[in-house]
PDB file of all heavy atoms in Angstrom:
ATOM      1  N   GLY A   1     -23.887-156.673   2.106  1.00  0.00           N
ATOM      2  CA  GLY A   1     -24.405-155.618   1.251  1.00  0.00           C
ATOM      3  C   GLY A   1     -24.574-154.314   1.994  1.00  0.00           C
ATOM      4  O   GLY A   1     -23.975-154.091   3.047  1.00  0.00           O
ATOM      5  N   SER A   2     -25.413-153.450   1.439  1.00  0.00           N
ATOM      6  CA  SER A   2     -25.612-152.123   2.029  1.00  0.00           C
ATOM      7  C   SER A   2     -27.096-151.859   2.227  1.00  0.00           C
ATOM      8  O   SER A   2     -27.942-152.417   1.524  1.00  0.00           O
ATOM      9  CB  SER A   2     -24.989-151.038   1.145  1.00  0.00           C
ATOM     10  OG  SER A   2     -25.618-151.005  -0.121  1.00  0.00           O
ATOM     11  N   VAL A   3     -27.400-150.991   3.180  1.00  0.00           N
ATOM     12  CA  VAL A   3     -28.771-150.618   3.458  1.00  0.00           C
ATOM     13  C   VAL A   3     -28.828-149.106   3.616  1.00  0.00           C
ATOM     14  O   VAL A   3     -27.985-148.506   4.272  1.00  0.00           O
ATOM     15  CB  VAL A   3     -29.303-151.343   4.722  1.00  0.00           C
ATOM     16  CG1 VAL A   3     -28.468-151.011   5.954  1.00  0.00           C
ATOM     17  CG2 VAL A   3     -30.759-151.009   4.970  1.00  0.00           C
ATOM     18  N   LYS A   4     -29.815-148.489   2.973  1.00  0.00           N
ATOM     19  CA  LYS A   4     -30.009-147.049   3.044  1.00  0.00           C
ATOM     20  C   LYS A   4     -30.949-146.738   4.199  1.00  0.00           C
ATOM     21  O   LYS A   4     -32.051-147.279   4.282  1.00  0.00           O
ATOM     22  CB  LYS A   4     -30.607-146.528   1.731  1.00  0.00           C
ATOM     23  CG  LYS A   4     -30.828-145.028   1.700  1.00  0.00           C
ATOM     24  CD  LYS A   4     -29.539-144.253   1.648  1.00  0.00           C
ATOM     25  CE  LYS A   4     -29.793-142.769   1.475  1.00  0.00           C
ATOM     26  NZ  LYS A   4     -28.550-141.969   1.484  1.00  0.00           N
ATOM     27  N   ILE A   5     -30.515-145.862   5.092  1.00  0.00           N
ATOM     28  CA  ILE A   5     -31.278-145.556   6.295  1.00  0.00           C
ATOM     29  C   ILE A   5     -32.293-144.440   6.013  1.00  0.00           C
ATOM     30  O   ILE A   5     -31.978-143.440   5.373  1.00  0.00           O
ATOM     31  CB  ILE A   5     -30.320-145.165   7.439  1.00  0.00           C
ATOM     32  CG1 ILE A   5     -29.352-146.319   7.730  1.00  0.00           C
ATOM     33  CG2 ILE A   5     -31.102-144.781   8.686  1.00  0.00           C
ATOM     34  CD1 ILE A   5     -30.018-147.644   8.053  1.00  0.00           C
ATOM     35  N   GLN A   6     -33.501-144.620   6.522  1.00  0.00           N
ATOM     36  CA  GLN A   6     -34.586-143.666   6.309  1.00  0.00           C
ATOM     37  C   GLN A   6     -34.414-142.439   7.201  1.00  0.00           C
ATOM     38  O   GLN A   6     -33.628-142.438   8.144  1.00  0.00           O
ATOM     39  CB  GLN A   6     -35.926-144.340   6.628  1.00  0.00           C
ATOM     40  CG  GLN A   6     -36.061-144.714   8.100  1.00  0.00           C
ATOM     41  CD  GLN A   6     -37.243-145.624   8.403  1.00  0.00           C
ATOM     42  OE1 GLN A   6     -37.822-146.246   7.525  1.00  0.00           O
ATOM     43  NE2 GLN A   6     -37.609-145.691   9.675  1.00  0.00           N
ATOM     44  N   SER A   7     -35.183-141.398   6.904  1.00  0.00           N
ATOM     45  CA  SER A   7     -35.219-140.243   7.808  1.00  0.00           C
ATOM     46  C   SER A   7     -35.778-140.678   9.157  1.00  0.00           C
ATOM     47  O   SER A   7     -36.590-141.590   9.251  1.00  0.00           O
ATOM     48  CB  SER A   7     -36.086-139.130   7.225  1.00  0.00           C
ATOM     49  OG  SER A   7     -35.436-138.498   6.140  1.00  0.00           O
ATOM     50  N   ALA A   8     -35.339-139.987  10.202  1.00  0.00           N
ATOM     51  CA  ALA A   8     -35.657-140.422  11.558  1.00  0.00           C
ATOM     52  C   ALA A   8     -37.143-140.272  11.869  1.00  0.00           C
ATOM     53  O   ALA A   8     -37.703-139.177  11.757  1.00  0.00           O
ATOM     54  CB  ALA A   8     -34.840-139.620  12.565  1.00  0.00           C
ATOM     55  N   LYS A   9     -37.758-141.365  12.256  1.00  0.00           N
ATOM     56  CA  LYS A   9     -39.152-141.339  12.705  1.00  0.00           C
ATOM     57  C   LYS A   9     -39.358-140.273  13.772  1.00  0.00           C
ATOM     58  O   LYS A   9     -40.330-139.507  13.727  1.00  0.00           O
ATOM     59  CB  LYS A   9     -39.512-142.718  13.258  1.00  0.00           C
ATOM     60  CG  LYS A   9     -40.747-142.798  14.138  1.00  0.00           C
ATOM     61  CD  LYS A   9     -40.868-144.203  14.711  1.00  0.00           C
ATOM     62  CE  LYS A   9     -42.068-144.348  15.642  1.00  0.00           C
ATOM     63  NZ  LYS A   9     -41.835-143.781  16.985  1.00  0.00           N
ATOM     64  N   ASN A  10     -38.435-140.197  14.722  1.00  0.00           N
ATOM     65  CA  ASN A  10     -38.605-139.272  15.846  1.00  0.00           C
ATOM     66  C   ASN A  10     -38.244-137.835  15.498  1.00  0.00           C
ATOM     67  O   ASN A  10     -38.361-136.950  16.345  1.00  0.00           O
ATOM     68  CB  ASN A  10     -37.796-139.755  17.047  1.00  0.00           C
ATOM     69  CG  ASN A  10     -38.366-141.034  17.631  1.00  0.00           C
ATOM     70  OD1 ASN A  10     -39.567-141.290  17.536  1.00  0.00           O
ATOM     71  ND2 ASN A  10     -37.512-141.852  18.215  1.00  0.00           N
ATOM     72  N   SER A  11     -37.803-137.593  14.273  1.00  0.00           N
ATOM     73  CA  SER A  11     -37.697-136.233  13.742  1.00  0.00           C
ATOM     74  C   SER A  11     -38.903-135.886  12.889  1.00  0.00           C
ATOM     75  O   SER A  11     -39.475-134.801  12.988  1.00  0.00           O
ATOM     76  CB  SER A  11     -36.430-136.074  12.901  1.00  0.00           C
ATOM     77  OG  SER A  11     -35.309-135.789  13.679  1.00  0.00           O
ATOM     78  N   VAL A  12     -39.302-136.816  12.037  1.00  0.00           N
ATOM     79  CA  VAL A  12     -40.376-136.550  11.089  1.00  0.00           C
ATOM     80  C   VAL A  12     -41.692-136.258  11.802  1.00  0.00           C
ATOM     81  O   VAL A  12     -42.431-135.339  11.409  1.00  0.00           O
ATOM     82  CB  VAL A  12     -40.533-137.738  10.110  1.00  0.00           C
ATOM     83  CG1 VAL A  12     -41.782-137.572   9.259  1.00  0.00           C
ATOM     84  CG2 VAL A  12     -39.298-137.856   9.217  1.00  0.00           C
ATOM     85  N   LEU A  13     -41.993-137.003  12.876  1.00  0.00           N
ATOM     86  CA  LEU A  13     -43.283-136.816  13.548  1.00  0.00           C
ATOM     87  C   LEU A  13     -43.441-135.412  14.145  1.00  0.00           C
ATOM     88  O   LEU A  13     -44.457-134.747  13.901  1.00  0.00           O
ATOM     89  CB  LEU A  13     -43.490-137.904  14.597  1.00  0.00           C
ATOM     90  CG  LEU A  13     -43.661-139.323  14.032  1.00  0.00           C
ATOM     91  CD1 LEU A  13     -43.737-140.339  15.158  1.00  0.00           C
ATOM     92  CD2 LEU A  13     -44.896-139.420  13.149  1.00  0.00           C
ATOM     93  N   PRO A  14     -42.485-134.899  14.932  1.00  0.00           N
ATOM     94  CA  PRO A  14     -42.658-133.523  15.425  1.00  0.00           C
ATOM     95  C   PRO A  14     -42.577-132.473  14.322  1.00  0.00           C
ATOM     96  O   PRO A  14     -43.203-131.413  14.425  1.00  0.00           O
ATOM     97  CB  PRO A  14     -41.532-133.358  16.455  1.00  0.00           C
ATOM     98  CG  PRO A  14     -40.554-134.429  16.177  1.00  0.00           C
ATOM     99  CD  PRO A  14     -41.333-135.556  15.572  1.00  0.00           C
ATOM    100  N   ILE A  15     -41.829-132.750  13.251  1.00  0.00           N
ATOM    101  CA  ILE A  15     -41.786-131.807  12.128  1.00  0.00           C
ATOM    102  C   ILE A  15     -43.153-131.742  11.446  1.00  0.00           C
ATOM    103  O   ILE A  15     -43.630-130.665  11.067  1.00  0.00           O
ATOM    104  CB  ILE A  15     -40.669-132.196  11.141  1.00  0.00           C
ATOM    105  CG1 ILE A  15     -39.302-131.873  11.747  1.00  0.00           C
ATOM    106  CG2 ILE A  15     -40.837-131.475   9.806  1.00  0.00           C
ATOM    107  CD1 ILE A  15     -38.127-132.385  10.940  1.00  0.00           C
ATOM    108  N   LEU A  16     -43.801-132.896  11.289  1.00  0.00           N
ATOM    109  CA  LEU A  16     -45.157-132.902  10.741  1.00  0.00           C
ATOM    110  C   LEU A  16     -46.100-132.112  11.643  1.00  0.00           C
ATOM    111  O   LEU A  16     -46.950-131.346  11.165  1.00  0.00           O
ATOM    112  CB  LEU A  16     -45.656-134.337  10.584  1.00  0.00           C
ATOM    113  CG  LEU A  16     -45.107-135.126   9.395  1.00  0.00           C
ATOM    114  CD1 LEU A  16     -45.496-136.600   9.500  1.00  0.00           C
ATOM    115  CD2 LEU A  16     -45.602-134.542   8.073  1.00  0.00           C
ATOM    116  N   ALA A  17     -45.949-132.289  12.947  1.00  0.00           N
ATOM    117  CA  ALA A  17     -46.772-131.517  13.886  1.00  0.00           C
ATOM    118  C   ALA A  17     -46.502-130.023  13.726  1.00  0.00           C
ATOM    119  O   ALA A  17     -47.423-129.201  13.801  1.00  0.00           O
ATOM    120  CB  ALA A  17     -46.491-131.963  15.314  1.00  0.00           C
ATOM    121  N   ALA A  18     -45.246-129.657  13.494  1.00  0.00           N
ATOM    122  CA  ALA A  18     -44.873-128.248  13.358  1.00  0.00           C
ATOM    123  C   ALA A  18     -45.481-127.616  12.124  1.00  0.00           C
ATOM    124  O   ALA A  18     -45.624-126.386  12.055  1.00  0.00           O
ATOM    125  CB  ALA A  18     -43.346-128.119  13.317  1.00  0.00           C
ATOM    126  N   ALA A  19     -45.848-128.419  11.129  1.00  0.00           N
ATOM    127  CA  ALA A  19     -46.430-127.873   9.903  1.00  0.00           C
ATOM    128  C   ALA A  19     -47.710-127.108  10.181  1.00  0.00           C
ATOM    129  O   ALA A  19     -48.088-126.199   9.423  1.00  0.00           O
ATOM    130  CB  ALA A  19     -46.685-128.998   8.902  1.00  0.00           C
ATOM    131  N   VAL A  20     -48.403-127.445  11.282  1.00  0.00           N
ATOM    132  CA  VAL A  20     -49.648-126.752  11.627  1.00  0.00           C
ATOM    133  C   VAL A  20     -49.391-125.276  11.941  1.00  0.00           C
ATOM    134  O   VAL A  20     -50.284-124.435  11.807  1.00  0.00           O
ATOM    135  CB  VAL A  20     -50.314-127.455  12.838  1.00  0.00           C
ATOM    136  CG1 VAL A  20     -51.560-126.707  13.295  1.00  0.00           C
ATOM    137  CG2 VAL A  20     -50.678-128.898  12.479  1.00  0.00           C
ATOM    138  N   LEU A  21     -48.166-124.941  12.324  1.00  0.00           N
ATOM    139  CA  LEU A  21     -47.842-123.582  12.749  1.00  0.00           C
ATOM    140  C   LEU A  21     -47.855-122.566  11.613  1.00  0.00           C
ATOM    141  O   LEU A  21     -47.936-121.363  11.861  1.00  0.00           O
ATOM    142  CB  LEU A  21     -46.461-123.557  13.410  1.00  0.00           C
ATOM    143  CG  LEU A  21     -46.301-124.331  14.722  1.00  0.00           C
ATOM    144  CD1 LEU A  21     -44.825-124.466  15.074  1.00  0.00           C
ATOM    145  CD2 LEU A  21     -47.064-123.627  15.831  1.00  0.00           C
ATOM    146  N   THR A  22     -47.761-123.015  10.382  1.00  0.00           N
ATOM    147  CA  THR A  22     -47.560-122.095   9.268  1.00  0.00           C
ATOM    148  C   THR A  22     -48.565-122.304   8.159  1.00  0.00           C
ATOM    149  O   THR A  22     -49.068-123.420   7.957  1.00  0.00           O
ATOM    150  CB  THR A  22     -46.131-122.241   8.699  1.00  0.00           C
ATOM    151  OG1 THR A  22     -45.982-121.383   7.563  1.00  0.00           O
ATOM    152  CG2 THR A  22     -45.844-123.669   8.281  1.00  0.00           C
ATOM    153  N   ASP A  23     -48.857-121.248   7.421  1.00  0.00           N
ATOM    154  CA  ASP A  23     -49.675-121.359   6.211  1.00  0.00           C
ATOM    155  C   ASP A  23     -48.822-121.655   4.979  1.00  0.00           C
ATOM    156  O   ASP A  23     -49.348-121.880   3.897  1.00  0.00           O
ATOM    157  CB  ASP A  23     -50.465-120.070   5.981  1.00  0.00           C
ATOM    158  CG  ASP A  23     -51.620-119.929   6.959  1.00  0.00           C
ATOM    159  OD1 ASP A  23     -52.071-120.957   7.499  1.00  0.00           O
ATOM    160  OD2 ASP A  23     -52.058-118.785   7.198  1.00  0.00           O
ATOM    161  N   GLY A  24     -47.494-121.625   5.152  1.00  0.00           N
ATOM    162  CA  GLY A  24     -46.612-121.936   4.029  1.00  0.00           C
ATOM    163  C   GLY A  24     -46.556-123.428   3.773  1.00  0.00           C
ATOM    164  O   GLY A  24     -46.799-124.245   4.660  1.00  0.00           O
ATOM    165  N   LYS A  25     -46.244-123.804   2.544  1.00  0.00           N
ATOM    166  CA  LYS A  25     -46.149-125.226   2.196  1.00  0.00           C
ATOM    167  C   LYS A  25     -44.832-125.812   2.703  1.00  0.00           C
ATOM    168  O   LYS A  25     -43.775-125.193   2.571  1.00  0.00           O
ATOM    169  CB  LYS A  25     -46.268-125.421   0.689  1.00  0.00           C
ATOM    170  CG  LYS A  25     -47.667-125.172   0.150  1.00  0.00           C
ATOM    171  CD  LYS A  25     -47.762-125.511  -1.327  1.00  0.00           C
ATOM    172  CE  LYS A  25     -49.191-125.283  -1.832  1.00  0.00           C
ATOM    173  NZ  LYS A  25     -49.317-125.610  -3.277  1.00  0.00           N
ATOM    174  N   ILE A  26     -44.922-127.007   3.269  1.00  0.00           N
ATOM    175  CA  ILE A  26     -43.762-127.713   3.801  1.00  0.00           C
ATOM    176  C   ILE A  26     -43.540-128.972   2.979  1.00  0.00           C
ATOM    177  O   ILE A  26     -44.471-129.773   2.796  1.00  0.00           O
ATOM    178  CB  ILE A  26     -43.988-128.109   5.281  1.00  0.00           C
ATOM    179  CG1 ILE A  26     -44.342-126.892   6.137  1.00  0.00           C
ATOM    180  CG2 ILE A  26     -42.781-128.850   5.826  1.00  0.00           C
ATOM    181  CD1 ILE A  26     -43.272-125.849   6.216  1.00  0.00           C
ATOM    182  N   LYS A  27     -42.338-129.167   2.493  1.00  0.00           N
ATOM    183  CA  LYS A  27     -41.995-130.404   1.796  1.00  0.00           C
ATOM    184  C   LYS A  27     -40.933-131.140   2.610  1.00  0.00           C
ATOM    185  O   LYS A  27     -39.835-130.622   2.812  1.00  0.00           O
ATOM    186  CB  LYS A  27     -41.471-130.118   0.387  1.00  0.00           C
ATOM    187  CG  LYS A  27     -41.194-131.393  -0.415  1.00  0.00           C
ATOM    188  CD  LYS A  27     -40.770-131.070  -1.856  1.00  0.00           C
ATOM    189  CE  LYS A  27     -40.578-132.348  -2.672  1.00  0.00           C
ATOM    190  NZ  LYS A  27     -40.179-132.048  -4.072  1.00  0.00           N
ATOM    191  N   ILE A  28     -41.272-132.316   3.074  1.00  0.00           N
ATOM    192  CA  ILE A  28     -40.357-133.121   3.875  1.00  0.00           C
ATOM    193  C   ILE A  28     -39.846-134.262   3.008  1.00  0.00           C
ATOM    194  O   ILE A  28     -40.634-135.004   2.403  1.00  0.00           O
ATOM    195  CB  ILE A  28     -41.044-133.668   5.137  1.00  0.00           C
ATOM    196  CG1 ILE A  28     -41.722-132.524   5.906  1.00  0.00           C
ATOM    197  CG2 ILE A  28     -40.036-134.380   6.033  1.00  0.00           C
ATOM    198  CD1 ILE A  28     -42.579-132.998   7.053  1.00  0.00           C
ATOM    199  N   LEU A  29     -38.538-134.409   2.959  1.00  0.00           N
ATOM    200  CA  LEU A  29     -37.899-135.370   2.059  1.00  0.00           C
ATOM    201  C   LEU A  29     -37.579-136.681   2.773  1.00  0.00           C
ATOM    202  O   LEU A  29     -37.339-136.714   3.977  1.00  0.00           O
ATOM    203  CB  LEU A  29     -36.608-134.764   1.495  1.00  0.00           C
ATOM    204  CG  LEU A  29     -36.725-133.388   0.839  1.00  0.00           C
ATOM    205  CD1 LEU A  29     -35.349-132.888   0.407  1.00  0.00           C
ATOM    206  CD2 LEU A  29     -37.681-133.425  -0.346  1.00  0.00           C
ATOM    207  N   ASN A  30     -37.583-137.766   1.992  1.00  0.00           N
ATOM    208  CA  ASN A  30     -37.169-139.096   2.470  1.00  0.00           C
ATOM    209  C   ASN A  30     -37.972-139.526   3.696  1.00  0.00           C
ATOM    210  O   ASN A  30     -37.431-140.028   4.672  1.00  0.00           O
ATOM    211  CB  ASN A  30     -35.667-139.114   2.792  1.00  0.00           C
ATOM    212  CG  ASN A  30     -35.129-140.530   2.994  1.00  0.00           C
ATOM    213  OD1 ASN A  30     -35.646-141.499   2.417  1.00  0.00           O
ATOM    214  ND2 ASN A  30     -34.091-140.668   3.811  1.00  0.00           N
ATOM    215  N   VAL A  31     -39.284-139.319   3.609  1.00  0.00           N
ATOM    216  CA  VAL A  31     -40.159-139.664   4.732  1.00  0.00           C
ATOM    217  C   VAL A  31     -40.295-141.181   4.829  1.00  0.00           C
ATOM    218  O   VAL A  31     -40.560-141.844   3.823  1.00  0.00           O
ATOM    219  CB  VAL A  31     -41.551-139.027   4.536  1.00  0.00           C
ATOM    220  CG1 VAL A  31     -42.516-139.487   5.610  1.00  0.00           C
ATOM    221  CG2 VAL A  31     -41.429-137.517   4.539  1.00  0.00           C
ATOM    222  N   PRO A  32     -40.123-141.753   6.020  1.00  0.00           N
ATOM    223  CA  PRO A  32     -40.251-143.212   6.154  1.00  0.00           C
ATOM    224  C   PRO A  32     -41.687-143.672   5.929  1.00  0.00           C
ATOM    225  O   PRO A  32     -42.634-143.029   6.398  1.00  0.00           O
ATOM    226  CB  PRO A  32     -39.792-143.477   7.594  1.00  0.00           C
ATOM    227  CG  PRO A  32     -39.988-142.189   8.307  1.00  0.00           C
ATOM    228  CD  PRO A  32     -39.765-141.105   7.298  1.00  0.00           C
ATOM    229  N   GLN A  33     -41.840-144.770   5.215  1.00  0.00           N
ATOM    230  CA  GLN A  33     -43.165-145.328   4.937  1.00  0.00           C
ATOM    231  C   GLN A  33     -43.568-146.236   6.094  1.00  0.00           C
ATOM    232  O   GLN A  33     -43.546-147.462   5.989  1.00  0.00           O
ATOM    233  CB  GLN A  33     -43.149-146.079   3.610  1.00  0.00           C
ATOM    234  CG  GLN A  33     -42.727-145.234   2.413  1.00  0.00           C
ATOM    235  CD  GLN A  33     -43.669-144.070   2.178  1.00  0.00           C
ATOM    236  OE1 GLN A  33     -44.870-144.251   2.032  1.00  0.00           O
ATOM    237  NE2 GLN A  33     -43.131-142.858   2.125  1.00  0.00           N
ATOM    238  N   ILE A  34     -43.939-145.622   7.205  1.00  0.00           N
ATOM    239  CA  ILE A  34     -44.273-146.359   8.423  1.00  0.00           C
ATOM    240  C   ILE A  34     -45.653-145.928   8.907  1.00  0.00           C
ATOM    241  O   ILE A  34     -46.128-144.848   8.562  1.00  0.00           O
ATOM    242  CB  ILE A  34     -43.218-146.129   9.534  1.00  0.00           C
ATOM    243  CG1 ILE A  34     -43.080-144.642   9.849  1.00  0.00           C
ATOM    244  CG2 ILE A  34     -41.876-146.725   9.123  1.00  0.00           C
ATOM    245  CD1 ILE A  34     -42.123-144.326  10.987  1.00  0.00           C
ATOM    246  N   SER A  35     -46.287-146.772   9.710  1.00  0.00           N
ATOM    247  CA  SER A  35     -47.662-146.495  10.110  1.00  0.00           C
ATOM    248  C   SER A  35     -47.763-145.274  11.018  1.00  0.00           C
ATOM    249  O   SER A  35     -48.774-144.559  10.987  1.00  0.00           O
ATOM    250  CB  SER A  35     -48.271-147.725  10.789  1.00  0.00           C
ATOM    251  OG  SER A  35     -47.540-148.109  11.929  1.00  0.00           O
ATOM    252  N   ASP A  36     -46.749-144.995  11.838  1.00  0.00           N
ATOM    253  CA  ASP A  36     -46.801-143.813  12.693  1.00  0.00           C
ATOM    254  C   ASP A  36     -46.887-142.535  11.864  1.00  0.00           C
ATOM    255  O   ASP A  36     -47.637-141.609  12.200  1.00  0.00           O
ATOM    256  CB  ASP A  36     -45.575-143.753  13.612  1.00  0.00           C
ATOM    257  CG  ASP A  36     -45.823-144.429  14.952  1.00  0.00           C
ATOM    258  OD1 ASP A  36     -46.856-145.107  15.092  1.00  0.00           O
ATOM    259  OD2 ASP A  36     -44.980-144.294  15.858  1.00  0.00           O
ATOM    260  N   VAL A  37     -46.122-142.468  10.788  1.00  0.00           N
ATOM    261  CA  VAL A  37     -46.167-141.297   9.914  1.00  0.00           C
ATOM    262  C   VAL A  37     -47.522-141.212   9.220  1.00  0.00           C
ATOM    263  O   VAL A  37     -48.139-140.140   9.130  1.00  0.00           O
ATOM    264  CB  VAL A  37     -45.026-141.335   8.891  1.00  0.00           C
ATOM    265  CG1 VAL A  37     -45.249-140.299   7.780  1.00  0.00           C
ATOM    266  CG2 VAL A  37     -43.688-141.076   9.574  1.00  0.00           C
ATOM    267  N   LYS A  38     -48.015-142.346   8.746  1.00  0.00           N
ATOM    268  CA  LYS A  38     -49.318-142.350   8.064  1.00  0.00           C
ATOM    269  C   LYS A  38     -50.433-141.904   9.007  1.00  0.00           C
ATOM    270  O   LYS A  38     -51.344-141.169   8.609  1.00  0.00           O
ATOM    271  CB  LYS A  38     -49.597-143.747   7.504  1.00  0.00           C
ATOM    272  CG  LYS A  38     -48.639-144.143   6.379  1.00  0.00           C
ATOM    273  CD  LYS A  38     -48.831-145.578   5.948  1.00  0.00           C
ATOM    274  CE  LYS A  38     -47.799-145.967   4.881  1.00  0.00           C
ATOM    275  NZ  LYS A  38     -47.908-147.401   4.497  1.00  0.00           N
TER     276      LYS A  38
END
């Protein structure tokens, strides 16, 4: 069968950290449902 790959954990985490830099709203798509992100 097939498996759909999630967005990269090691990209999402620093991008989430980068959100602190701005007052603008950030929408991140296809975020992995993993405990590190939570």
